[in-house]
Amino acid sequence: METSTLIYCALALSAGCFVQSTVGFGMAIVAAPIVYFYEPRFVPGVVTFVGLILALINMWQYRRMISFTGMSAAFVGRVPGTIVAGWILVYISAEHLALILGAGVLLAVLISLSKVRFKPTPKALFVAGFTSGLMGTTTSIGGPPMALVLQHAEAGKLRANLAVYFVFSCVLSLVALSATGHFSLWHLKYALIVLPAPILTTLLAYKVQHLIKTEWVRYALLVLCTFAGMAAMWQGLSPMWT
């Protein structure tokens, strides 16, 4: 593989890691399209592995703010969401499901801009985890449902609890990818090669995150969720235009 390809992929992953370390999520939204352009074989396996390492680092960084009890409902919801997505894809296309879920995310963003507040109750977290499983399996972007439910949390707690969720989610995804041959020693080798740059960028993010206000984090989350919803809808509509 050309060195330039590895450098471009490392830079894209670094940019995604910087965004996720300061906002709470968004690594895949930022990095995956760029990485796919330069090396399609890196998506989703290499991106997911880097996401796991990033989530582990963030979880350690914010360990004092983690609420495992509060996030348990999201963990429970993620598993059946992944299974149901696989079952649904037997009967409808990934594009149709992506279209539906993308529209749902955009609707949730519009509701968030009103006076309605999403409260992180166990029921809401279960639904968010379930929906995240659906989106993650069909579009590779599973963060928006969780981010919308947790958007009003204090910035540190938001980053901490999303990191915990992403560790669980990435492990689940890597197990599934390994079982289906989409994550092998080849993917692991190149993930480790590009990993130093994202780690350094993550450490840099910790140095500047104190300059970012909690309200800015919330608006950044809504922007990223809007982008993710539009990307999912684009994925659903694009086959109709070809």
Protein backbone atom coordinates (compact mmCIF):
# COMPACT_ATOMS: atom_id res chain seq x y z
CA MET A 1 0.00 0.00 0.00
CA GLU A 2 1.25 3.50 -0.85
CA THR A 3 2.56 5.60 2.02
CA SER A 4 0.46 8.57 0.87
CA THR A 5 -2.72 6.52 1.25
CA LEU A 6 -1.82 5.64 4.83
CA ILE A 7 -1.02 9.28 5.60
CA TYR A 8 -4.34 10.55 4.22
CA CYS A 9 -6.28 7.90 6.14
CA ALA A 10 -4.35 8.68 9.33
CA LEU A 11 -5.11 12.40 8.94
CA ALA A 12 -8.82 11.71 8.36
CA LEU A 13 -8.99 9.49 11.44
CA SER A 14 -7.10 12.12 13.42
CA ALA A 15 -9.64 14.78 12.47
CA GLY A 16 -12.48 12.46 13.48
CA CYS A 17 -10.82 11.64 16.79
CA PHE A 18 -10.33 15.34 17.56
CA VAL A 19 -14.03 16.00 16.98
CA GLN A 20 -15.16 13.02 19.07
CA SER A 21 -12.79 13.82 21.94
CA THR A 22 -14.07 17.39 22.19
CA VAL A 23 -17.75 16.88 21.38
CA GLY A 24 -18.42 13.29 22.45
CA PHE A 25 -19.03 11.56 19.12
CA GLY A 26 -18.52 12.06 15.41
CA MET A 27 -15.33 10.17 14.55
CA ALA A 28 -17.00 7.88 12.02
CA ILE A 29 -19.09 10.71 10.54
CA VAL A 30 -15.98 12.78 9.85
CA ALA A 31 -13.46 10.07 9.02
CA ALA A 32 -15.33 7.19 7.34
CA PRO A 33 -16.24 8.96 4.03
CA ILE A 34 -12.67 10.25 3.57
CA VAL A 35 -11.05 6.94 4.52
CA TYR A 36 -13.42 5.10 2.18
CA PHE A 37 -12.38 7.40 -0.69
CA TYR A 38 -8.68 6.57 -0.26
CA GLU A 39 -8.92 2.93 0.91
CA PRO A 40 -12.39 1.27 0.86
CA ARG A 41 -11.03 -1.84 2.61
CA PHE A 42 -10.46 0.22 5.78
CA VAL A 43 -14.23 0.71 6.19
CA PRO A 44 -15.69 -0.42 8.50
CA GLY A 45 -13.02 -2.64 10.13
CA VAL A 46 -10.06 -0.28 10.55
CA VAL A 47 -12.32 2.68 11.39
CA THR A 48 -14.13 0.62 14.02
CA PHE A 49 -10.88 -0.55 15.63
CA VAL A 50 -9.55 3.01 15.85
CA GLY A 51 -12.95 3.98 17.27
CA LEU A 52 -12.57 1.33 19.96
CA ILE A 53 -9.12 2.59 20.99
CA LEU A 54 -10.42 6.17 21.01
CA ALA A 55 -13.41 5.20 23.16
CA LEU A 56 -11.14 3.36 25.62
CA ILE A 57 -8.88 6.42 25.93
CA ASN A 58 -11.86 8.74 26.39
CA MET A 59 -13.42 6.38 28.92
CA TRP A 60 -10.22 6.45 30.98
CA GLN A 61 -9.93 10.23 30.65
CA TYR A 62 -13.49 10.77 31.95
CA ARG A 63 -13.66 7.74 34.23
CA ARG A 64 -14.78 9.78 37.25
CA MET A 65 -17.90 10.94 35.40
CA ILE A 66 -19.07 7.55 34.11
CA SER A 67 -22.48 6.19 35.13
CA PHE A 68 -22.52 2.49 34.26
CA THR A 69 -25.91 2.07 35.93
CA GLY A 70 -27.42 4.88 33.91
CA MET A 71 -26.11 3.46 30.62
CA SER A 72 -27.12 -0.16 31.24
CA ALA A 73 -30.45 0.29 29.44
CA ALA A 74 -28.60 1.52 26.33
CA PHE A 75 -26.34 -1.57 26.42
CA VAL A 76 -29.37 -3.83 26.64
CA GLY A 77 -31.06 -2.05 23.73
CA ARG A 78 -28.00 -2.16 21.46
CA VAL A 79 -27.93 -5.96 21.19
CA PRO A 80 -31.49 -6.56 19.93
CA GLY A 81 -31.18 -3.47 17.73
CA THR A 82 -28.26 -5.09 15.94
CA ILE A 83 -30.06 -8.43 15.65
CA VAL A 84 -33.30 -6.87 14.41
CA ALA A 85 -31.40 -4.84 11.81
CA GLY A 86 -29.90 -8.03 10.43
CA TRP A 87 -33.32 -9.68 10.35
CA ILE A 88 -35.01 -6.67 8.72
CA LEU A 89 -32.35 -6.52 6.01
CA VAL A 90 -33.47 -9.98 4.90
CA TYR A 91 -36.82 -8.47 3.90
CA ILE A 92 -36.05 -4.86 2.96
CA SER A 93 -32.96 -3.23 1.52
CA ALA A 94 -30.36 -1.42 3.58
CA GLU A 95 -31.10 1.70 1.52
CA HIS A 96 -34.80 1.74 2.49
CA LEU A 97 -33.99 1.24 6.17
CA ALA A 98 -31.31 3.95 6.03
CA LEU A 99 -33.85 6.33 4.51
CA ILE A 100 -36.36 5.70 7.30
CA LEU A 101 -33.78 6.00 10.09
CA GLY A 102 -32.21 9.10 8.56
CA ALA A 103 -35.60 10.81 8.44
CA GLY A 104 -36.14 9.81 12.07
CA VAL A 105 -32.84 11.39 13.14
CA LEU A 106 -33.66 14.64 11.33
CA LEU A 107 -37.08 14.71 12.99
CA ALA A 108 -35.44 14.20 16.38
CA VAL A 109 -33.07 17.11 15.67
CA LEU A 110 -36.02 19.37 14.83
CA ILE A 111 -37.74 18.37 18.07
CA SER A 112 -34.50 19.08 19.96
CA LEU A 113 -34.46 22.63 18.57
CA SER A 114 -37.89 23.21 20.11
CA LYS A 115 -38.60 23.42 23.84
CA VAL A 116 -39.03 19.64 24.09
CA ARG A 117 -36.23 17.96 26.06
CA PHE A 118 -35.09 14.37 25.68
CA LYS A 119 -34.59 13.04 29.20
CA PRO A 120 -32.11 10.14 29.65
CA THR A 121 -34.58 7.81 31.34
CA PRO A 122 -33.98 4.04 31.18
CA LYS A 123 -36.75 3.74 28.59
CA ALA A 124 -35.29 6.53 26.43
CA LEU A 125 -31.79 5.04 26.68
CA PHE A 126 -33.09 1.60 25.73
CA VAL A 127 -34.82 3.04 22.66
CA ALA A 128 -31.69 5.05 21.78
CA GLY A 129 -29.52 1.95 22.14
CA PHE A 130 -31.92 -0.08 20.02
CA THR A 131 -32.08 2.59 17.31
CA SER A 132 -28.31 2.96 17.45
CA GLY A 133 -28.02 -0.77 16.76
CA LEU A 134 -30.27 -0.39 13.74
CA MET A 135 -28.36 2.61 12.38
CA GLY A 136 -24.92 1.24 13.17
CA THR A 137 -25.65 -2.00 11.37
CA THR A 138 -27.16 -0.41 8.26
CA THR A 139 -25.26 2.87 7.87
CA SER A 140 -22.12 2.41 10.08
CA ILE A 141 -23.15 5.56 11.99
CA GLY A 142 -24.80 4.62 15.27
CA GLY A 143 -23.98 7.62 17.48
CA PRO A 144 -26.81 10.12 16.79
CA PRO A 145 -29.63 8.43 18.79
CA MET A 146 -27.45 8.24 21.93
CA ALA A 147 -26.14 11.78 21.45
CA LEU A 148 -29.66 13.20 21.14
CA VAL A 149 -30.81 11.58 24.38
CA LEU A 150 -27.72 12.73 26.29
CA GLN A 151 -27.37 16.17 24.67
CA HIS A 152 -28.39 18.16 27.79
CA ALA A 153 -25.88 16.44 30.06
CA GLU A 154 -22.84 18.32 31.33
CA ALA A 155 -20.09 18.15 28.69
CA GLY A 156 -17.77 15.89 30.70
CA LYS A 157 -20.54 13.42 31.58
CA LEU A 158 -21.71 13.44 27.98
CA ARG A 159 -18.24 12.51 26.71
CA ALA A 160 -17.78 9.90 29.46
CA ASN A 161 -21.03 8.04 28.96
CA LEU A 162 -20.83 8.13 25.17
CA ALA A 163 -17.30 6.72 25.44
CA VAL A 164 -18.55 3.81 27.56
CA TYR A 165 -21.31 3.12 25.08
CA PHE A 166 -18.93 3.24 22.11
CA VAL A 167 -16.55 0.75 23.76
CA PHE A 168 -19.43 -1.71 24.06
CA SER A 169 -20.69 -0.91 20.56
CA CYS A 170 -17.27 -1.21 18.88
CA VAL A 171 -16.51 -4.53 20.57
CA LEU A 172 -19.88 -5.86 19.42
CA SER A 173 -19.23 -4.66 15.88
CA LEU A 174 -15.69 -6.08 15.73
CA VAL A 175 -16.93 -9.48 16.89
CA ALA A 176 -19.53 -9.44 14.12
CA LEU A 177 -17.00 -8.20 11.54
CA SER A 178 -14.50 -10.88 12.54
CA ALA A 179 -17.14 -13.58 12.30
CA THR A 180 -18.03 -12.48 8.77
CA GLY A 181 -14.44 -12.02 7.58
CA HIS A 182 -14.54 -8.21 7.48
CA PHE A 183 -11.93 -7.75 10.23
CA SER A 184 -8.78 -9.83 9.97
CA LEU A 185 -5.07 -9.63 10.83
CA TRP A 186 -4.65 -7.55 7.67
CA HIS A 187 -7.07 -4.91 9.00
CA LEU A 188 -5.48 -5.05 12.45
CA LYS A 189 -1.99 -4.50 10.98
CA TYR A 190 -2.98 -1.35 9.12
CA ALA A 191 -5.10 -0.10 12.02
CA LEU A 192 -2.02 -0.25 14.25
CA ILE A 193 0.08 1.52 11.57
CA VAL A 194 -2.27 4.54 11.36
CA LEU A 195 -3.14 4.55 15.09
CA PRO A 196 -0.33 6.84 16.45
CA ALA A 197 -1.66 9.94 14.66
CA PRO A 198 -5.24 9.63 16.01
CA ILE A 199 -3.88 9.04 19.53
CA LEU A 200 -1.70 12.16 19.38
CA THR A 201 -4.65 14.20 18.10
CA THR A 202 -6.82 12.88 20.92
CA LEU A 203 -4.25 13.99 23.48
CA LEU A 204 -4.18 17.41 21.80
CA ALA A 205 -7.96 17.64 22.08
CA TYR A 206 -7.72 17.23 25.86
CA LYS A 207 -5.50 20.33 25.97
CA VAL A 208 -8.08 22.60 24.31
CA GLN A 209 -11.43 21.13 25.36
CA HIS A 210 -11.65 23.41 28.42
CA LEU A 211 -12.13 26.28 25.98
CA ILE A 212 -15.32 24.72 24.62
CA LYS A 213 -18.56 25.66 26.39
CA THR A 214 -21.23 23.04 27.17
CA GLU A 215 -23.76 24.85 24.98
CA TRP A 216 -21.33 24.74 22.06
CA VAL A 217 -21.04 20.98 22.54
CA ARG A 218 -24.83 20.61 22.33
CA TYR A 219 -25.05 22.61 19.11
CA ALA A 220 -22.12 20.67 17.65
CA LEU A 221 -23.97 17.44 18.49
CA LEU A 222 -27.07 18.67 16.67
CA VAL A 223 -25.01 19.67 13.62
CA LEU A 224 -23.32 16.25 13.52
CA CYS A 225 -26.67 14.48 13.98
CA THR A 226 -28.14 16.54 11.14
CA PHE A 227 -25.22 15.61 8.91
CA ALA A 228 -25.59 11.93 9.88
CA GLY A 229 -29.32 11.98 9.17
CA MET A 230 -28.78 13.60 5.77
CA ALA A 231 -26.00 11.11 4.96
CA ALA A 232 -28.30 8.20 5.84
CA MET A 233 -31.09 9.61 3.67
CA TRP A 234 -28.62 10.17 0.82
CA GLN A 235 -27.57 6.56 1.13
CA GLY A 236 -31.22 5.54 0.94
CA LEU A 237 -32.10 7.76 -2.01
CA SER A 238 -28.94 7.37 -4.13
CA PRO A 239 -29.98 4.03 -5.74
CA MET A 240 -33.12 5.75 -7.09
CA TRP A 241 -30.98 8.25 -9.01
CA THR A 242 -28.65 5.71 -10.64
